[in-house]
Amino acid sequence: MKMRPFGRLIPAEEARRRLIAAVTPIRRAESLRLASALGRIAAETVRAPAPVPAFARATWDGYALASRSTRGASPSRPVPLRIVGEIFAEERLPRPLAAGECAAIATGGALPRGADAVVIFEVVTRRRGAIVVTRRVPPGNRVAHPGEDFPRGAVLVERGRPLTPASLGALAAVGRRRVRVLARPVVAIIPNGNELVVPGHRLAPGQIYESNNLTLGAVVEAAGAEAHPHLPVVDDPAKIEAAIRAAIPGSDLVLLTGGSSVGERDYLPSIFPRLGRMLFHGVAVRPGKPTLAVRVGRKVVVGMPGHPTSCLLNGYWLLLPVLRRLAGIPGRAWTVGSVRLARSYDPPTPGFSTVIPLRIEHGRGYPTFHDSSAITSLAGVHAFALVDSRHRPLARGTEVEVHYLPPPLGDASSP
């Protein structure tokens, strides 16, 4: 079995920086119904075409009245006001209020002409078709004035920002049914290896079920992109290269799993230079050393380790910010904090950075990694630490910076 040596390994942070710089943020846009647009990135800035509310309306159930009619009202000098109608949210009083009159009004109802305040039911007494007011009601009491929510021309949605429940509600409030959003980037995932079998099929001796499509696909979807998994490709360089070239035109990013190291059947290191400009091959990190990337025009192709834990951890520390940039999502890919290690941890390779998956309990971090081929190394994980190459064995109680995985990637229980 032939082996080829790695070239110069680059630091983990440099690999991530090169990939982030190499990807081109998506520019395609599509129109979606508001009900389908939560969390998507706005492709347009939307301003209010009219003020909301468009008219003065009650913010509480009560009685619409003219505040001047209650001037001097007190328990010793109650003021009676005759009830001349009822106003529900969809109705208007057909005439203005005269002096000494009021109208029952529901929350959201339009104030009638002549009224400038609302007194709530709880503070008045109703007697024989009238209410008795025992305190002055100030102008504007329990009233939402035109444009109080937002005036005409106010920015409701800003291009490049995620759409939230509040921003979708603002769009609906001005009558919008649809909004333009950035399209989700398409990410092709191509596993390769003779031993790989799609789950649901029978295994022959020496074969294993392919799982990286699913795990990487979950990372891709959680980062706002669209995963396009491919069937495993056998260890044939011509077929692997053909699969890559076929995937590039319809994808914004292509990920391959397996075949990225220096073994006899690791063909990606010889295929990638034929595709375009190499970004790197080999990262000084454990797990994840055999990672490589190439830029092909405006597209990027990344070769990931085949071991399930190495592949998924690479998805966490390396791909998440790359995918978010590609999708046009602002902000950091993780929430950064710090914890103390609940037990000692000895990084496996001196001179290499180490990615340590952590389960967080009561403010302490429990390393979970036990083997790069065991996906259970990441079960129950809330966060990871990327410890640089200068660190020696980490003693119990050492404080480390951690990156909390965003939902739904991290364990659902609260750390």
Protein backbone atom coordinates (compact mmCIF):
# COMPACT_ATOMS: atom_id res chain seq x y z
CA MET A 1 0.00 0.00 0.00
CA LYS A 2 1.54 3.27 -1.13
CA MET A 3 1.48 6.41 1.02
CA ARG A 4 2.32 9.98 0.01
CA PRO A 5 3.57 12.55 2.52
CA PHE A 6 1.58 15.71 3.30
CA GLY A 7 3.07 19.03 2.26
CA ARG A 8 3.16 22.02 4.57
CA LEU A 9 0.26 21.96 6.98
CA ILE A 10 -1.49 25.26 7.59
CA PRO A 11 -2.94 26.37 10.93
CA ALA A 12 -6.63 25.75 11.58
CA GLU A 13 -7.50 29.44 11.74
CA GLU A 14 -5.70 30.06 8.43
CA ALA A 15 -7.65 27.25 6.73
CA ARG A 16 -10.91 28.76 7.93
CA ARG A 17 -9.85 32.26 6.85
CA ARG A 18 -8.94 31.08 3.35
CA LEU A 19 -12.25 29.31 2.88
CA ILE A 20 -14.30 32.25 4.14
CA ALA A 21 -12.41 34.57 1.78
CA ALA A 22 -12.82 32.20 -1.16
CA VAL A 23 -16.61 31.73 -1.12
CA THR A 24 -18.86 34.22 -2.90
CA PRO A 25 -22.00 35.18 -0.97
CA ILE A 26 -25.22 34.27 -2.72
CA ARG A 27 -26.91 36.96 -4.81
CA ARG A 28 -29.87 35.05 -6.23
CA ALA A 29 -33.24 36.07 -4.85
CA GLU A 30 -36.72 34.59 -4.78
CA SER A 31 -40.17 35.76 -3.71
CA LEU A 32 -41.77 33.93 -0.77
CA ARG A 33 -45.07 34.11 1.02
CA LEU A 34 -44.60 35.73 4.41
CA ALA A 35 -45.64 32.51 6.15
CA SER A 36 -42.66 30.73 4.58
CA ALA A 37 -40.05 33.44 5.08
CA LEU A 38 -39.17 33.21 8.79
CA GLY A 39 -35.40 33.23 9.28
CA ARG A 40 -34.64 33.87 5.61
CA ILE A 41 -32.39 36.76 4.60
CA ALA A 42 -34.18 39.75 3.11
CA ALA A 43 -33.12 40.57 -0.46
CA GLU A 44 -34.87 43.95 -0.37
CA THR A 45 -35.33 46.89 1.95
CA VAL A 46 -39.03 47.50 2.58
CA ARG A 47 -40.38 50.86 3.78
CA ALA A 48 -43.87 51.47 5.11
CA PRO A 49 -46.11 52.80 2.29
CA ALA A 50 -48.52 54.21 4.89
CA PRO A 51 -48.53 54.89 8.62
CA VAL A 52 -49.66 52.19 11.04
CA PRO A 53 -52.10 52.64 12.55
CA ALA A 54 -53.71 54.69 9.79
CA PHE A 55 -56.24 56.19 12.19
CA ALA A 56 -56.57 56.88 15.90
CA ARG A 57 -57.81 53.73 17.61
CA ALA A 58 -58.51 52.42 21.08
CA THR A 59 -55.87 50.32 22.80
CA TRP A 60 -58.28 49.09 25.48
CA ASP A 61 -61.94 48.20 25.82
CA GLY A 62 -63.81 51.20 27.25
CA TYR A 63 -65.58 54.37 26.23
CA ALA A 64 -64.46 56.92 23.66
CA LEU A 65 -64.99 60.48 24.83
CA ALA A 66 -63.79 64.06 24.62
CA SER A 67 -61.29 64.63 27.43
CA ARG A 68 -62.61 68.15 27.94
CA SER A 69 -65.95 66.64 29.00
CA THR A 70 -64.26 65.15 32.09
CA ARG A 71 -62.56 68.34 33.23
CA GLY A 72 -63.16 68.75 36.99
CA ALA A 73 -64.50 65.20 37.49
CA SER A 74 -63.91 63.75 40.96
CA PRO A 75 -65.60 61.37 43.42
CA SER A 76 -67.39 64.35 44.96
CA ARG A 77 -68.28 65.81 41.55
CA PRO A 78 -69.00 62.90 39.20
CA VAL A 79 -69.57 63.66 35.53
CA PRO A 80 -72.22 61.68 33.61
CA LEU A 81 -71.79 60.99 29.88
CA ARG A 82 -74.58 59.58 27.73
CA ILE A 83 -73.74 56.43 25.71
CA VAL A 84 -74.77 57.05 22.09
CA GLY A 85 -73.39 53.97 20.35
CA GLU A 86 -71.00 51.02 20.19
CA ILE A 87 -67.84 50.77 18.09
CA PHE A 88 -66.29 47.42 17.34
CA ALA A 89 -62.87 47.05 15.70
CA GLU A 90 -64.28 46.96 12.17
CA GLU A 91 -66.81 49.76 12.64
CA ARG A 92 -67.04 53.55 12.78
CA LEU A 93 -69.55 55.73 14.57
CA PRO A 94 -71.63 57.42 11.83
CA ARG A 95 -71.58 60.83 13.51
CA PRO A 96 -69.30 62.89 15.75
CA LEU A 97 -69.71 62.92 19.50
CA ALA A 98 -71.46 65.91 20.96
CA ALA A 99 -70.72 67.48 24.33
CA GLY A 100 -71.65 65.15 27.20
CA GLU A 101 -71.63 62.02 25.03
CA CYS A 102 -69.48 58.89 24.80
CA ALA A 103 -69.48 55.64 22.84
CA ALA A 104 -68.58 52.14 23.97
CA ILE A 105 -65.48 51.07 22.03
CA ALA A 106 -63.61 47.77 21.63
CA THR A 107 -59.85 47.46 21.47
CA GLY A 108 -58.76 48.47 17.96
CA GLY A 109 -61.91 50.47 17.29
CA ALA A 110 -61.59 53.77 15.44
CA LEU A 111 -62.10 56.84 17.63
CA PRO A 112 -65.16 58.78 16.46
CA ARG A 113 -64.89 62.41 15.48
CA GLY A 114 -65.00 64.59 18.54
CA ALA A 115 -63.26 62.02 20.77
CA ASP A 116 -59.62 62.21 21.85
CA ALA A 117 -59.43 59.68 24.71
CA VAL A 118 -60.72 56.37 26.03
CA VAL A 119 -61.66 55.59 29.61
CA ILE A 120 -61.54 51.89 30.48
CA PHE A 121 -64.58 49.96 31.73
CA GLU A 122 -63.02 49.25 35.12
CA VAL A 123 -62.87 52.86 36.33
CA VAL A 124 -66.39 54.03 35.50
CA THR A 125 -69.90 53.14 36.63
CA ARG A 126 -72.66 52.50 34.10
CA ARG A 127 -76.15 53.74 34.97
CA ARG A 128 -79.28 53.85 32.78
CA GLY A 129 -77.60 54.41 29.40
CA ALA A 130 -74.80 56.58 30.73
CA ILE A 131 -71.41 56.27 32.43
CA VAL A 132 -70.30 58.17 35.50
CA VAL A 133 -66.68 59.44 35.44
CA THR A 134 -65.07 60.33 38.78
CA ARG A 135 -61.66 61.43 37.56
CA ARG A 136 -60.32 63.52 34.73
CA VAL A 137 -59.39 61.53 31.61
CA PRO A 138 -56.33 63.11 29.93
CA PRO A 139 -56.17 63.61 26.14
CA GLY A 140 -54.71 60.60 24.32
CA ASN A 141 -55.53 58.20 27.17
CA ARG A 142 -55.64 54.57 25.86
CA VAL A 143 -55.34 55.78 22.26
CA ALA A 144 -52.89 54.72 19.53
CA HIS A 145 -52.38 57.70 17.24
CA PRO A 146 -51.77 57.48 13.45
CA GLY A 147 -48.19 56.38 12.77
CA GLU A 148 -47.57 55.54 16.42
CA ASP A 149 -46.46 51.99 15.53
CA PHE A 150 -44.45 53.24 12.56
CA PRO A 151 -44.80 56.25 10.25
CA ARG A 152 -44.92 56.25 6.49
CA GLY A 153 -41.42 55.62 5.09
CA ALA A 154 -40.17 53.73 8.15
CA VAL A 155 -37.82 50.81 7.37
CA LEU A 156 -39.73 47.62 8.14
CA VAL A 157 -37.19 45.18 6.69
CA GLU A 158 -33.55 45.87 5.92
CA ARG A 159 -31.83 44.07 3.07
CA GLY A 160 -29.35 41.49 4.33
CA ARG A 161 -31.04 40.97 7.71
CA PRO A 162 -32.86 37.81 8.84
CA LEU A 163 -36.64 38.01 8.82
CA THR A 164 -38.03 37.74 12.35
CA PRO A 165 -41.61 37.27 13.59
CA ALA A 166 -41.76 41.02 14.30
CA SER A 167 -40.53 42.05 10.85
CA LEU A 168 -42.94 39.64 9.15
CA GLY A 169 -45.74 41.08 11.27
CA ALA A 170 -44.77 44.59 10.18
CA LEU A 171 -44.93 43.54 6.52
CA ALA A 172 -48.35 42.01 7.06
CA ALA A 173 -49.50 45.20 8.84
CA VAL A 174 -48.94 47.21 5.65
CA GLY A 175 -50.68 44.63 3.47
CA ARG A 176 -47.69 42.77 2.03
CA ARG A 177 -48.25 39.11 1.17
CA ARG A 178 -44.79 38.28 -0.15
CA VAL A 179 -41.18 39.33 0.36
CA ARG A 180 -38.01 38.86 -1.67
CA VAL A 181 -35.35 36.81 0.09
CA LEU A 182 -31.92 35.49 -0.81
CA ALA A 183 -32.07 32.03 -2.31
CA ARG A 184 -30.59 29.26 -0.20
CA PRO A 185 -27.13 28.22 -1.43
CA VAL A 186 -26.99 24.75 -2.95
CA VAL A 187 -24.34 22.49 -1.40
CA ALA A 188 -23.53 19.19 -3.08
CA ILE A 189 -22.23 16.40 -0.80
CA ILE A 190 -20.38 13.56 -2.54
CA PRO A 191 -19.08 10.62 -0.47
CA ASN A 192 -16.51 8.32 -2.03
CA GLY A 193 -15.23 4.88 -1.09
CA ASN A 194 -15.75 1.27 -2.19
CA GLU A 195 -16.87 0.33 1.30
CA LEU A 196 -19.81 2.74 1.49
CA VAL A 197 -23.40 1.54 1.26
CA VAL A 198 -26.55 3.65 1.40
CA PRO A 199 -28.57 2.93 4.58
CA GLY A 200 -31.40 0.48 3.93
CA HIS A 201 -29.35 -1.81 1.66
CA ARG A 202 -27.69 -5.05 2.65
CA LEU A 203 -24.04 -4.92 3.70
CA ALA A 204 -21.43 -7.21 2.19
CA PRO A 205 -18.36 -8.21 4.25
CA GLY A 206 -16.10 -5.20 4.80
CA GLN A 207 -18.76 -2.65 3.91
CA ILE A 208 -20.20 0.09 6.13
CA TYR A 209 -23.20 2.37 5.94
CA GLU A 210 -22.55 5.87 4.65
CA SER A 211 -23.48 8.50 7.29
CA ASN A 212 -21.56 11.66 6.35
CA ASN A 213 -24.24 12.68 3.84
CA LEU A 214 -26.72 12.93 6.68
CA THR A 215 -24.51 14.62 9.27
CA LEU A 216 -22.97 17.16 6.91
CA GLY A 217 -26.37 17.73 5.33
CA ALA A 218 -27.73 18.66 8.75
CA VAL A 219 -24.93 21.20 9.25
CA VAL A 220 -25.60 22.63 5.78
CA GLU A 221 -29.34 22.99 6.42
CA ALA A 222 -28.81 24.49 9.89
CA ALA A 223 -26.53 27.13 8.34
CA GLY A 224 -29.22 28.33 5.93
CA ALA A 225 -28.17 26.35 2.84
CA GLU A 226 -29.75 23.51 0.89
CA ALA A 227 -28.05 20.10 1.01
CA HIS A 228 -27.94 17.99 -2.17
CA PRO A 229 -26.59 14.58 -1.15
CA HIS A 230 -25.16 12.30 -3.86
CA LEU A 231 -24.83 8.55 -3.93
CA PRO A 232 -21.38 7.24 -2.91
CA VAL A 233 -18.80 7.12 -5.71
CA VAL A 234 -16.43 4.14 -5.90
CA ASP A 235 -12.65 4.52 -5.57
CA ASP A 236 -12.06 5.36 -9.22
CA PRO A 237 -10.32 8.70 -9.92
CA ALA A 238 -12.05 9.21 -13.27
CA LYS A 239 -15.50 8.63 -11.75
CA ILE A 240 -14.75 10.83 -8.74
CA GLU A 241 -13.53 13.68 -10.94
CA ALA A 242 -16.51 13.30 -13.23
CA ALA A 243 -18.88 13.48 -10.25
CA ILE A 244 -17.19 16.65 -9.00
CA ARG A 245 -17.26 18.36 -12.40
CA ALA A 246 -20.91 17.41 -12.89
CA ALA A 247 -21.86 18.86 -9.48
CA ILE A 248 -20.05 22.21 -9.78
CA PRO A 249 -22.34 24.01 -12.30
CA GLY A 250 -25.50 23.46 -10.25
CA SER A 251 -23.95 24.05 -6.83
CA ASP A 252 -22.60 26.97 -4.86
CA LEU A 253 -20.29 24.73 -2.83
CA VAL A 254 -19.21 21.11 -3.29
CA LEU A 255 -18.19 18.92 -0.35
CA LEU A 256 -16.54 15.54 -0.69
CA THR A 257 -16.08 13.06 2.14
CA GLY A 258 -13.32 10.48 2.15
CA GLY A 259 -10.34 10.10 -0.16
CA SER A 260 -8.70 13.28 1.14
CA SER A 261 -5.64 11.84 2.86
CA VAL A 262 -2.39 10.43 1.48
CA GLY A 263 -3.18 6.74 1.05
CA GLU A 264 -3.04 4.80 -2.19
CA ARG A 265 -6.78 5.22 -2.82
CA ASP A 266 -6.98 8.82 -1.64
CA TYR A 267 -7.48 10.40 -5.04
CA LEU A 268 -8.65 13.91 -4.14
CA PRO A 269 -5.10 15.35 -3.70
CA SER A 270 -4.33 14.47 -7.33
CA ILE A 271 -7.76 15.48 -8.70
CA PHE A 272 -8.11 18.89 -7.01
CA PRO A 273 -5.12 20.64 -8.69
CA ARG A 274 -6.68 19.81 -12.08
CA LEU A 275 -9.89 21.60 -11.08
CA GLY A 276 -8.53 25.03 -10.20
CA ARG A 277 -6.42 26.97 -7.68
CA MET A 278 -5.52 24.98 -4.58
CA LEU A 279 -6.28 26.73 -1.31
CA PHE A 280 -4.62 24.14 0.95
CA HIS A 281 -4.11 20.44 1.57
CA GLY A 282 -3.52 19.44 5.16
CA VAL A 283 -4.43 21.34 8.32
CA ALA A 284 -2.45 21.23 11.56
CA VAL A 285 -5.51 20.13 13.54
CA ARG A 286 -6.75 16.93 15.18
CA PRO A 287 -9.10 15.53 14.12
CA GLY A 288 -9.34 16.78 10.56
CA LYS A 289 -5.77 16.91 9.28
CA PRO A 290 -6.55 15.48 5.79
CA THR A 291 -8.73 18.40 4.65
CA LEU A 292 -8.15 20.13 1.32
CA ALA A 293 -9.85 22.79 -0.76
CA VAL A 294 -9.70 24.22 -4.26
CA ARG A 295 -11.30 27.25 -5.88
CA VAL A 296 -12.88 26.55 -9.24
CA GLY A 297 -13.79 29.89 -10.82
CA ARG A 298 -16.23 31.43 -8.31
CA LYS A 299 -16.98 28.08 -6.69
CA VAL A 300 -15.16 26.20 -3.93
CA VAL A 301 -14.73 22.43 -3.56
CA VAL A 302 -13.74 21.04 -0.16
CA GLY A 303 -12.48 17.54 0.60
CA MET A 304 -13.39 16.39 4.10
CA PRO A 305 -12.10 13.45 6.13
CA GLY A 306 -14.11 10.26 5.76
CA HIS A 307 -14.14 9.32 9.46
CA PRO A 308 -17.58 10.34 10.78
CA THR A 309 -16.41 12.27 13.86
CA SER A 310 -13.61 14.05 11.98
CA CYS A 311 -16.01 14.97 9.19
CA LEU A 312 -18.72 16.33 11.50
CA LEU A 313 -16.29 18.25 13.72
CA ASN A 314 -14.87 19.82 10.54
CA GLY A 315 -18.43 20.80 9.73
CA TYR A 316 -18.66 22.56 13.09
CA TRP A 317 -15.36 24.46 13.36
CA LEU A 318 -14.54 24.93 9.66
CA LEU A 319 -17.71 24.92 7.55
CA LEU A 320 -20.29 26.69 9.70
CA PRO A 321 -18.91 30.22 9.19
CA VAL A 322 -18.20 29.45 5.53
CA LEU A 323 -21.78 28.31 4.95
CA ARG A 324 -23.21 31.33 6.76
CA ARG A 325 -21.14 33.71 4.64
CA LEU A 326 -22.27 31.88 1.52
CA ALA A 327 -25.91 32.22 2.62
CA GLY A 328 -25.48 35.92 3.46
CA ILE A 329 -26.30 35.39 7.16
CA PRO A 330 -24.78 38.14 9.33
CA GLY A 331 -23.18 37.60 12.72
CA ARG A 332 -21.03 34.90 14.27
CA ALA A 333 -21.53 31.21 13.62
CA TRP A 334 -21.35 30.35 17.31
CA THR A 335 -21.92 31.83 20.72
CA VAL A 336 -18.53 32.13 22.41
CA GLY A 337 -18.08 31.57 26.16
CA SER A 338 -15.75 29.82 28.56
CA VAL A 339 -15.94 26.81 30.88
CA ARG A 340 -13.60 24.91 33.16
CA LEU A 341 -12.74 21.35 32.21
CA ALA A 342 -14.35 18.76 34.45
CA ARG A 343 -11.45 16.38 33.83
CA SER A 344 -7.97 16.57 32.38
CA TYR A 345 -7.43 16.29 28.64
CA ASP A 346 -4.23 15.46 26.80
CA PRO A 347 -4.22 16.72 23.18
CA PRO A 348 -3.20 13.74 21.03
CA THR A 349 -0.60 15.36 18.75
CA PRO A 350 2.02 17.90 19.88
CA GLY A 351 2.23 20.87 17.53
CA PHE A 352 -1.33 20.44 16.30
CA SER A 353 -4.42 22.37 17.31
CA THR A 354 -7.09 20.15 18.81
CA VAL A 355 -10.86 20.30 18.43
CA ILE A 356 -12.42 19.11 21.69
CA PRO A 357 -16.15 18.37 21.66
CA LEU A 358 -17.69 19.18 25.03
CA ARG A 359 -20.78 18.32 26.98
CA ILE A 360 -21.55 21.21 29.35
CA GLU A 361 -23.04 20.45 32.75
CA HIS A 362 -23.35 22.98 35.58
CA GLY A 363 -20.82 25.29 33.93
CA ARG A 364 -18.15 22.60 33.49
CA GLY A 365 -16.99 21.01 30.25
CA TYR A 366 -16.72 17.24 29.79
CA PRO A 367 -14.65 16.17 26.76
CA THR A 368 -16.53 13.50 24.79
CA PHE A 369 -14.07 12.58 22.03
CA HIS A 370 -12.82 9.00 22.06
CA ASP A 371 -12.25 8.06 18.41
CA SER A 372 -12.43 9.84 15.04
CA SER A 373 -14.38 6.96 13.50
CA ALA A 374 -16.97 6.81 16.33
CA ILE A 375 -19.90 9.16 15.78
CA THR A 376 -20.88 8.66 19.42
CA SER A 377 -17.92 10.92 20.23
CA LEU A 378 -20.31 13.78 19.48
CA ALA A 379 -23.40 12.49 21.27
CA GLY A 380 -24.77 14.99 23.78
CA VAL A 381 -22.33 17.72 22.72
CA HIS A 382 -23.22 21.36 23.39
CA ALA A 383 -20.01 23.07 22.26
CA PHE A 384 -16.43 22.62 21.12
CA ALA A 385 -13.09 24.13 22.04
CA LEU A 386 -10.34 24.72 19.50
CA VAL A 387 -7.16 24.52 21.55
CA ASP A 388 -4.08 25.83 19.76
CA SER A 389 -0.88 23.89 19.26
CA ARG A 390 1.03 25.57 22.11
CA HIS A 391 -1.08 23.92 24.78
CA ARG A 392 0.32 21.04 26.76
CA PRO A 393 -1.94 18.58 28.63
CA LEU A 394 -4.92 20.46 30.03
CA ALA A 395 -5.42 19.88 33.73
CA ARG A 396 -8.80 19.48 35.37
CA GLY A 397 -10.17 22.95 36.14
CA THR A 398 -8.40 24.64 33.20
CA GLU A 399 -10.56 27.40 31.72
CA VAL A 400 -11.01 27.10 27.95
CA GLU A 401 -12.83 29.21 25.39
CA VAL A 402 -15.78 27.33 23.93
CA HIS A 403 -18.00 27.79 20.88
CA TYR A 404 -21.62 26.86 21.64
CA LEU A 405 -23.29 25.13 18.72
CA PRO A 406 -26.45 26.87 17.49
CA PRO A 407 -29.69 24.89 17.58
CA PRO A 408 -30.44 22.35 16.30
CA LEU A 409 -26.78 21.27 16.03
CA GLY A 410 -26.04 21.17 19.74
CA ASP A 411 -27.71 18.93 22.28
CA ALA A 412 -31.22 20.17 22.98
CA SER A 413 -30.83 20.17 26.76
CA SER A 414 -29.70 23.41 28.34
CA PRO A 415 -25.93 23.43 29.07
